[in-house]
Amino acid sequence: MSTEEARELLIHAYRQKAKEALLEAEHCLAAGSAGLATNRIYYACFYAATAVLISRGLQFVRHSALKSAVHSQFVRPGELSSELGAFFETAFVQRHEADYNALARFDPAGVARQLVKARQFVAVMETLLSRRKQA
């Protein structure tokens, strides 16, 4: 397998993980687990952004580096709205709270709004990937 084929395989895998995480967030929210939905919302966005960054030859080990790359690669150049860039930051903070604060509670209506934003974020990342293939 060539390096390019391996990269395309990895991009495809992250795209699939993003879609799965969105579905998992929906299921968790419907089952009354807003905290788990919060985790899956962030990871849907994380996976989608990772796919695009890999397509651009960039990979990051740390979440903080990926968050910075979302802003430098997508928000600053205008490919992602500042609103969705801020949402990604918020999703990270909320995911951290959900995962590491045993007392954290999340309003299901607020998480449902975050899920809408996550779908928008993932859709933008998919658009960026489709533009790459057209170029």
N, C-alpha and C. Protein backbone atom coordinates (compact mmCIF):
# COMPACT_ATOMS: atom_id res chain seq x y z
N MET A 1 0.85 -1.17 0.00
CA MET A 1 0.00 0.00 0.00
C MET A 1 0.90 1.24 0.00
N SER A 2 0.57 2.18 -0.86
CA SER A 2 1.35 3.41 -0.94
C SER A 2 1.04 4.33 0.24
N THR A 3 1.87 5.31 0.43
CA THR A 3 1.65 6.30 1.50
C THR A 3 0.34 7.04 1.26
N GLU A 4 0.07 7.39 0.01
CA GLU A 4 -1.18 8.09 -0.32
C GLU A 4 -2.39 7.20 -0.04
N GLU A 5 -2.31 5.93 -0.38
CA GLU A 5 -3.42 5.01 -0.11
C GLU A 5 -3.65 4.86 1.40
N ALA A 6 -2.56 4.79 2.14
CA ALA A 6 -2.68 4.69 3.60
C ALA A 6 -3.32 5.95 4.18
N ARG A 7 -2.93 7.09 3.64
CA ARG A 7 -3.51 8.35 4.11
C ARG A 7 -5.00 8.41 3.80
N GLU A 8 -5.39 8.00 2.61
CA GLU A 8 -6.80 8.00 2.23
C GLU A 8 -7.61 7.04 3.10
N LEU A 9 -7.02 5.92 3.43
CA LEU A 9 -7.67 4.95 4.32
C LEU A 9 -7.90 5.56 5.70
N LEU A 10 -6.91 6.26 6.20
CA LEU A 10 -7.01 6.91 7.50
C LEU A 10 -8.07 8.02 7.49
N ILE A 11 -8.09 8.81 6.44
CA ILE A 11 -9.11 9.87 6.30
C ILE A 11 -10.50 9.24 6.30
N HIS A 12 -10.67 8.19 5.54
CA HIS A 12 -11.97 7.52 5.48
C HIS A 12 -12.37 7.00 6.87
N ALA A 13 -11.43 6.41 7.58
CA ALA A 13 -11.72 5.87 8.91
C ALA A 13 -12.17 6.98 9.87
N TYR A 14 -11.50 8.12 9.84
CA TYR A 14 -11.90 9.24 10.72
C TYR A 14 -13.25 9.80 10.31
N ARG A 15 -13.54 9.85 9.03
CA ARG A 15 -14.86 10.32 8.58
C ARG A 15 -15.95 9.40 9.12
N GLN A 16 -15.71 8.10 9.05
CA GLN A 16 -16.67 7.13 9.56
C GLN A 16 -16.85 7.28 11.07
N LYS A 17 -15.74 7.46 11.77
CA LYS A 17 -15.81 7.64 13.23
C LYS A 17 -16.63 8.88 13.58
N ALA A 18 -16.49 9.95 12.80
CA ALA A 18 -17.27 11.17 13.05
C ALA A 18 -18.76 10.89 12.90
N LYS A 19 -19.13 10.19 11.84
CA LYS A 19 -20.54 9.86 11.61
C LYS A 19 -21.08 8.97 12.74
N GLU A 20 -20.29 7.98 13.12
CA GLU A 20 -20.71 7.08 14.21
C GLU A 20 -20.87 7.85 15.52
N ALA A 21 -19.96 8.76 15.81
CA ALA A 21 -20.03 9.53 17.05
C ALA A 21 -21.28 10.40 17.09
N LEU A 22 -21.67 10.96 15.94
CA LEU A 22 -22.92 11.74 15.89
C LEU A 22 -24.12 10.84 16.21
N LEU A 23 -24.15 9.67 15.62
CA LEU A 23 -25.25 8.73 15.90
C LEU A 23 -25.25 8.31 17.36
N GLU A 24 -24.07 8.05 17.90
CA GLU A 24 -23.98 7.68 19.32
C GLU A 24 -24.46 8.81 20.21
N ALA A 25 -24.14 10.05 19.85
CA ALA A 25 -24.61 11.20 20.63
C ALA A 25 -26.13 11.26 20.63
N GLU A 26 -26.74 11.03 19.47
CA GLU A 26 -28.20 11.02 19.38
C GLU A 26 -28.79 9.95 20.29
N HIS A 27 -28.22 8.75 20.21
CA HIS A 27 -28.73 7.64 21.02
C HIS A 27 -28.55 7.90 22.51
N CYS A 28 -27.40 8.42 22.89
CA CYS A 28 -27.16 8.73 24.31
C CYS A 28 -28.14 9.77 24.82
N LEU A 29 -28.35 10.80 24.02
CA LEU A 29 -29.28 11.87 24.42
C LEU A 29 -30.69 11.31 24.56
N ALA A 30 -31.11 10.50 23.60
CA ALA A 30 -32.44 9.90 23.65
C ALA A 30 -32.61 8.98 24.85
N ALA A 31 -31.50 8.34 25.27
CA ALA A 31 -31.54 7.42 26.42
C ALA A 31 -31.41 8.15 27.75
N GLY A 32 -31.28 9.48 27.71
CA GLY A 32 -31.20 10.25 28.94
C GLY A 32 -29.80 10.43 29.48
N SER A 33 -28.80 10.16 28.67
CA SER A 33 -27.42 10.30 29.12
C SER A 33 -26.76 11.49 28.42
N ALA A 34 -27.07 12.67 28.92
CA ALA A 34 -26.55 13.90 28.32
C ALA A 34 -25.03 14.00 28.44
N GLY A 35 -24.46 13.47 29.52
CA GLY A 35 -23.01 13.51 29.69
C GLY A 35 -22.29 12.69 28.63
N LEU A 36 -22.78 11.48 28.37
CA LEU A 36 -22.17 10.67 27.32
C LEU A 36 -22.39 11.29 25.94
N ALA A 37 -23.55 11.89 25.74
CA ALA A 37 -23.81 12.58 24.47
C ALA A 37 -22.81 13.71 24.27
N THR A 38 -22.49 14.41 25.35
CA THR A 38 -21.53 15.50 25.30
C THR A 38 -20.16 14.99 24.85
N ASN A 39 -19.76 13.86 25.38
CA ASN A 39 -18.49 13.24 24.97
C ASN A 39 -18.51 12.94 23.48
N ARG A 40 -19.58 12.31 22.99
CA ARG A 40 -19.65 11.90 21.60
C ARG A 40 -19.76 13.10 20.65
N ILE A 41 -20.38 14.19 21.11
CA ILE A 41 -20.46 15.41 20.31
C ILE A 41 -19.06 15.95 20.04
N TYR A 42 -18.27 16.06 21.09
CA TYR A 42 -16.90 16.56 20.90
C TYR A 42 -16.13 15.64 19.97
N TYR A 43 -16.21 14.33 20.21
CA TYR A 43 -15.41 13.42 19.41
C TYR A 43 -15.86 13.37 17.95
N ALA A 44 -17.13 13.59 17.68
CA ALA A 44 -17.57 13.67 16.28
C ALA A 44 -16.82 14.80 15.57
N CYS A 45 -16.74 15.93 16.23
CA CYS A 45 -16.04 17.09 15.67
C CYS A 45 -14.54 16.84 15.60
N PHE A 46 -13.99 16.26 16.63
CA PHE A 46 -12.57 15.93 16.68
C PHE A 46 -12.19 15.03 15.50
N TYR A 47 -12.97 13.97 15.29
CA TYR A 47 -12.67 13.04 14.21
C TYR A 47 -12.80 13.71 12.84
N ALA A 48 -13.85 14.51 12.67
CA ALA A 48 -14.05 15.18 11.38
C ALA A 48 -12.90 16.15 11.08
N ALA A 49 -12.51 16.94 12.08
CA ALA A 49 -11.39 17.87 11.90
C ALA A 49 -10.10 17.12 11.64
N THR A 50 -9.90 16.01 12.34
CA THR A 50 -8.70 15.20 12.13
C THR A 50 -8.61 14.72 10.69
N ALA A 51 -9.73 14.28 10.13
CA ALA A 51 -9.74 13.81 8.74
C ALA A 51 -9.28 14.91 7.79
N VAL A 52 -9.80 16.12 7.97
CA VAL A 52 -9.42 17.22 7.09
C VAL A 52 -7.95 17.58 7.28
N LEU A 53 -7.52 17.64 8.51
CA LEU A 53 -6.12 17.99 8.77
C LEU A 53 -5.18 16.95 8.18
N ILE A 54 -5.52 15.68 8.28
CA ILE A 54 -4.70 14.64 7.66
C ILE A 54 -4.65 14.84 6.15
N SER A 55 -5.79 15.21 5.57
CA SER A 55 -5.82 15.44 4.12
C SER A 55 -4.89 16.57 3.72
N ARG A 56 -4.58 17.44 4.67
CA ARG A 56 -3.67 18.56 4.42
C ARG A 56 -2.25 18.27 4.90
N GLY A 57 -2.01 17.02 5.26
CA GLY A 57 -0.67 16.62 5.67
C GLY A 57 -0.32 16.97 7.10
N LEU A 58 -1.33 17.20 7.93
CA LEU A 58 -1.11 17.59 9.33
C LEU A 58 -1.71 16.55 10.26
N GLN A 59 -0.96 16.17 11.29
CA GLN A 59 -1.46 15.27 12.32
C GLN A 59 -0.98 15.77 13.68
N PHE A 60 -1.82 15.58 14.69
CA PHE A 60 -1.53 16.06 16.03
C PHE A 60 -1.78 14.98 17.05
N VAL A 61 -0.96 14.96 18.07
CA VAL A 61 -1.09 13.97 19.13
C VAL A 61 -1.96 14.52 20.26
N ARG A 62 -1.86 15.80 20.53
CA ARG A 62 -2.56 16.41 21.66
C ARG A 62 -3.83 17.14 21.21
N HIS A 63 -4.86 17.06 22.04
CA HIS A 63 -6.10 17.76 21.75
C HIS A 63 -5.86 19.26 21.64
N SER A 64 -5.01 19.80 22.49
CA SER A 64 -4.75 21.25 22.45
C SER A 64 -4.14 21.67 21.12
N ALA A 65 -3.29 20.83 20.55
CA ALA A 65 -2.69 21.14 19.25
C ALA A 65 -3.74 21.08 18.15
N LEU A 66 -4.63 20.11 18.23
CA LEU A 66 -5.69 20.02 17.24
C LEU A 66 -6.63 21.22 17.35
N LYS A 67 -6.96 21.62 18.57
CA LYS A 67 -7.82 22.80 18.75
C LYS A 67 -7.17 24.03 18.12
N SER A 68 -5.88 24.22 18.33
CA SER A 68 -5.18 25.35 17.72
C SER A 68 -5.21 25.25 16.20
N ALA A 69 -5.05 24.04 15.68
CA ALA A 69 -5.07 23.85 14.24
C ALA A 69 -6.44 24.15 13.65
N VAL A 70 -7.50 23.83 14.37
CA VAL A 70 -8.85 24.15 13.88
C VAL A 70 -8.95 25.66 13.65
N HIS A 71 -8.40 26.42 14.58
CA HIS A 71 -8.47 27.88 14.42
C HIS A 71 -7.52 28.38 13.34
N SER A 72 -6.30 27.88 13.32
CA SER A 72 -5.34 28.39 12.33
C SER A 72 -5.63 27.91 10.91
N GLN A 73 -6.13 26.69 10.78
CA GLN A 73 -6.36 26.12 9.45
C GLN A 73 -7.76 26.39 8.89
N PHE A 74 -8.74 26.56 9.77
CA PHE A 74 -10.12 26.67 9.30
C PHE A 74 -10.78 28.01 9.61
N VAL A 75 -10.65 28.48 10.86
CA VAL A 75 -11.35 29.70 11.26
C VAL A 75 -10.67 30.93 10.67
N ARG A 76 -9.38 31.09 10.91
CA ARG A 76 -8.66 32.28 10.40
C ARG A 76 -8.80 32.46 8.89
N PRO A 77 -8.64 31.39 8.10
CA PRO A 77 -8.79 31.56 6.64
C PRO A 77 -10.25 31.71 6.19
N GLY A 78 -11.20 31.55 7.11
CA GLY A 78 -12.60 31.74 6.77
C GLY A 78 -13.31 30.49 6.26
N GLU A 79 -12.70 29.33 6.40
CA GLU A 79 -13.35 28.10 5.95
C GLU A 79 -14.36 27.58 6.97
N LEU A 80 -14.23 28.01 8.21
CA LEU A 80 -15.14 27.64 9.30
C LEU A 80 -15.52 28.93 10.01
N SER A 81 -16.80 29.11 10.29
CA SER A 81 -17.24 30.33 10.95
C SER A 81 -16.63 30.44 12.35
N SER A 82 -16.48 31.66 12.81
CA SER A 82 -15.97 31.85 14.17
C SER A 82 -16.95 31.27 15.19
N GLU A 83 -18.22 31.26 14.85
CA GLU A 83 -19.23 30.67 15.74
C GLU A 83 -18.96 29.17 15.92
N LEU A 84 -18.70 28.47 14.82
CA LEU A 84 -18.43 27.04 14.93
C LEU A 84 -17.04 26.78 15.53
N GLY A 85 -16.11 27.69 15.31
CA GLY A 85 -14.81 27.58 15.98
C GLY A 85 -14.96 27.68 17.48
N ALA A 86 -15.79 28.64 17.93
CA ALA A 86 -16.05 28.81 19.36
C ALA A 86 -16.81 27.60 19.91
N PHE A 87 -17.73 27.08 19.11
CA PHE A 87 -18.46 25.88 19.52
C PHE A 87 -17.49 24.72 19.78
N PHE A 88 -16.49 24.56 18.91
CA PHE A 88 -15.52 23.46 19.07
C PHE A 88 -14.79 23.61 20.41
N GLU A 89 -14.41 24.84 20.74
CA GLU A 89 -13.76 25.10 22.04
C GLU A 89 -14.69 24.70 23.19
N THR A 90 -15.94 25.13 23.10
CA THR A 90 -16.92 24.81 24.14
C THR A 90 -17.15 23.31 24.24
N ALA A 91 -17.24 22.65 23.09
CA ALA A 91 -17.45 21.20 23.09
C ALA A 91 -16.30 20.48 23.80
N PHE A 92 -15.08 20.97 23.59
CA PHE A 92 -13.92 20.37 24.27
C PHE A 92 -14.05 20.54 25.78
N VAL A 93 -14.36 21.75 26.23
CA VAL A 93 -14.47 22.03 27.66
C VAL A 93 -15.59 21.17 28.28
N GLN A 94 -16.72 21.11 27.59
CA GLN A 94 -17.83 20.33 28.12
C GLN A 94 -17.52 18.83 28.14
N ARG A 95 -16.82 18.35 27.11
CA ARG A 95 -16.42 16.93 27.10
C ARG A 95 -15.49 16.64 28.27
N HIS A 96 -14.59 17.54 28.53
CA HIS A 96 -13.66 17.37 29.65
C HIS A 96 -14.44 17.31 30.97
N GLU A 97 -15.40 18.20 31.10
CA GLU A 97 -16.25 18.22 32.31
C GLU A 97 -17.02 16.91 32.43
N ALA A 98 -17.61 16.46 31.33
CA ALA A 98 -18.40 15.23 31.34
C ALA A 98 -17.55 14.01 31.70
N ASP A 99 -16.33 14.00 31.21
CA ASP A 99 -15.47 12.83 31.43
C ASP A 99 -14.81 12.81 32.80
N TYR A 100 -14.49 13.98 33.33
CA TYR A 100 -13.63 14.02 34.52
C TYR A 100 -14.27 14.61 35.77
N ASN A 101 -15.46 15.18 35.66
CA ASN A 101 -16.14 15.72 36.83
C ASN A 101 -17.35 14.85 37.13
N ALA A 102 -17.23 14.02 38.13
CA ALA A 102 -18.30 13.08 38.47
C ALA A 102 -19.60 13.78 38.85
N LEU A 103 -19.51 15.04 39.24
CA LEU A 103 -20.71 15.77 39.66
C LEU A 103 -21.32 16.61 38.53
N ALA A 104 -20.69 16.61 37.38
CA ALA A 104 -21.18 17.43 36.25
C ALA A 104 -22.53 16.91 35.77
N ARG A 105 -23.43 17.83 35.52
CA ARG A 105 -24.74 17.51 34.98
C ARG A 105 -24.97 18.42 33.79
N PHE A 106 -25.64 17.91 32.78
CA PHE A 106 -25.87 18.66 31.56
C PHE A 106 -27.36 18.71 31.24
N ASP A 107 -27.80 19.88 30.85
CA ASP A 107 -29.19 20.09 30.46
C ASP A 107 -29.43 19.43 29.11
N PRO A 108 -30.35 18.48 29.03
CA PRO A 108 -30.60 17.80 27.76
C PRO A 108 -30.93 18.74 26.60
N ALA A 109 -31.66 19.81 26.88
CA ALA A 109 -32.00 20.76 25.81
C ALA A 109 -30.75 21.47 25.30
N GLY A 110 -29.84 21.80 26.21
CA GLY A 110 -28.58 22.43 25.81
C GLY A 110 -27.71 21.48 25.02
N VAL A 111 -27.70 20.21 25.42
CA VAL A 111 -26.92 19.21 24.70
C VAL A 111 -27.53 18.99 23.31
N ALA A 112 -28.84 19.02 23.21
CA ALA A 112 -29.50 18.89 21.90
C ALA A 112 -29.09 20.03 20.98
N ARG A 113 -28.97 21.23 21.53
CA ARG A 113 -28.50 22.38 20.71
C ARG A 113 -27.04 22.17 20.29
N GLN A 114 -26.24 21.60 21.19
CA GLN A 114 -24.84 21.32 20.85
C GLN A 114 -24.77 20.26 19.74
N LEU A 115 -25.67 19.32 19.77
CA LEU A 115 -25.70 18.29 18.74
C LEU A 115 -25.98 18.90 17.36
N VAL A 116 -26.87 19.86 17.33
CA VAL A 116 -27.15 20.57 16.06
C VAL A 116 -25.87 21.25 15.56
N LYS A 117 -25.16 21.91 16.45
CA LYS A 117 -23.90 22.58 16.08
C LYS A 117 -22.86 21.55 15.62
N ALA A 118 -22.82 20.41 16.30
CA ALA A 118 -21.86 19.36 15.91
C ALA A 118 -22.16 18.87 14.49
N ARG A 119 -23.43 18.70 14.17
CA ARG A 119 -23.78 18.29 12.80
C ARG A 119 -23.31 19.34 11.80
N GLN A 120 -23.48 20.61 12.15
CA GLN A 120 -23.01 21.69 11.26
C GLN A 120 -21.50 21.64 11.10
N PHE A 121 -20.79 21.46 12.20
CA PHE A 121 -19.33 21.40 12.17
C PHE A 121 -18.87 20.25 11.27
N VAL A 122 -19.44 19.07 11.48
CA VAL A 122 -19.06 17.90 10.69
C VAL A 122 -19.39 18.13 9.21
N ALA A 123 -20.51 18.77 8.93
CA ALA A 123 -20.89 19.05 7.54
C ALA A 123 -19.87 19.97 6.87
N VAL A 124 -19.38 20.96 7.60
CA VAL A 124 -18.35 21.85 7.04
C VAL A 124 -17.09 21.06 6.75
N MET A 125 -16.70 20.18 7.66
CA MET A 125 -15.50 19.37 7.43
C MET A 125 -15.68 18.47 6.21
N GLU A 126 -16.87 17.91 6.06
CA GLU A 126 -17.15 17.07 4.88
C GLU A 126 -17.05 17.90 3.60
N THR A 127 -17.54 19.12 3.64
CA THR A 127 -17.44 20.01 2.48
C THR A 127 -15.99 20.29 2.14
N LEU A 128 -15.18 20.55 3.16
CA LEU A 128 -13.76 20.80 2.92
C LEU A 128 -13.09 19.57 2.30
N LEU A 129 -13.46 18.39 2.74
CA LEU A 129 -12.91 17.17 2.16
C LEU A 129 -13.37 16.98 0.71
N SER A 130 -14.62 17.28 0.44
CA SER A 130 -15.11 17.11 -0.94
C SER A 130 -14.47 18.12 -1.88
N ARG A 131 -14.19 19.34 -1.40
CA ARG A 131 -13.49 20.33 -2.22
C ARG A 131 -12.09 19.84 -2.58
N ARG A 132 -11.45 19.19 -1.65
CA ARG A 132 -10.10 18.68 -1.87
C ARG A 132 -10.10 17.68 -3.02
N LYS A 133 -11.11 16.84 -3.07
CA LYS A 133 -11.17 15.81 -4.13
C LYS A 133 -11.46 16.43 -5.47
N GLN A 134 -12.17 17.57 -5.48
CA GLN A 134 -12.51 18.22 -6.75
C GLN A 134 -11.33 19.00 -7.32
N ALA A 135 -10.39 19.39 -6.45
CA ALA A 135 -9.26 20.21 -6.91
C ALA A 135 -8.26 19.43 -7.71
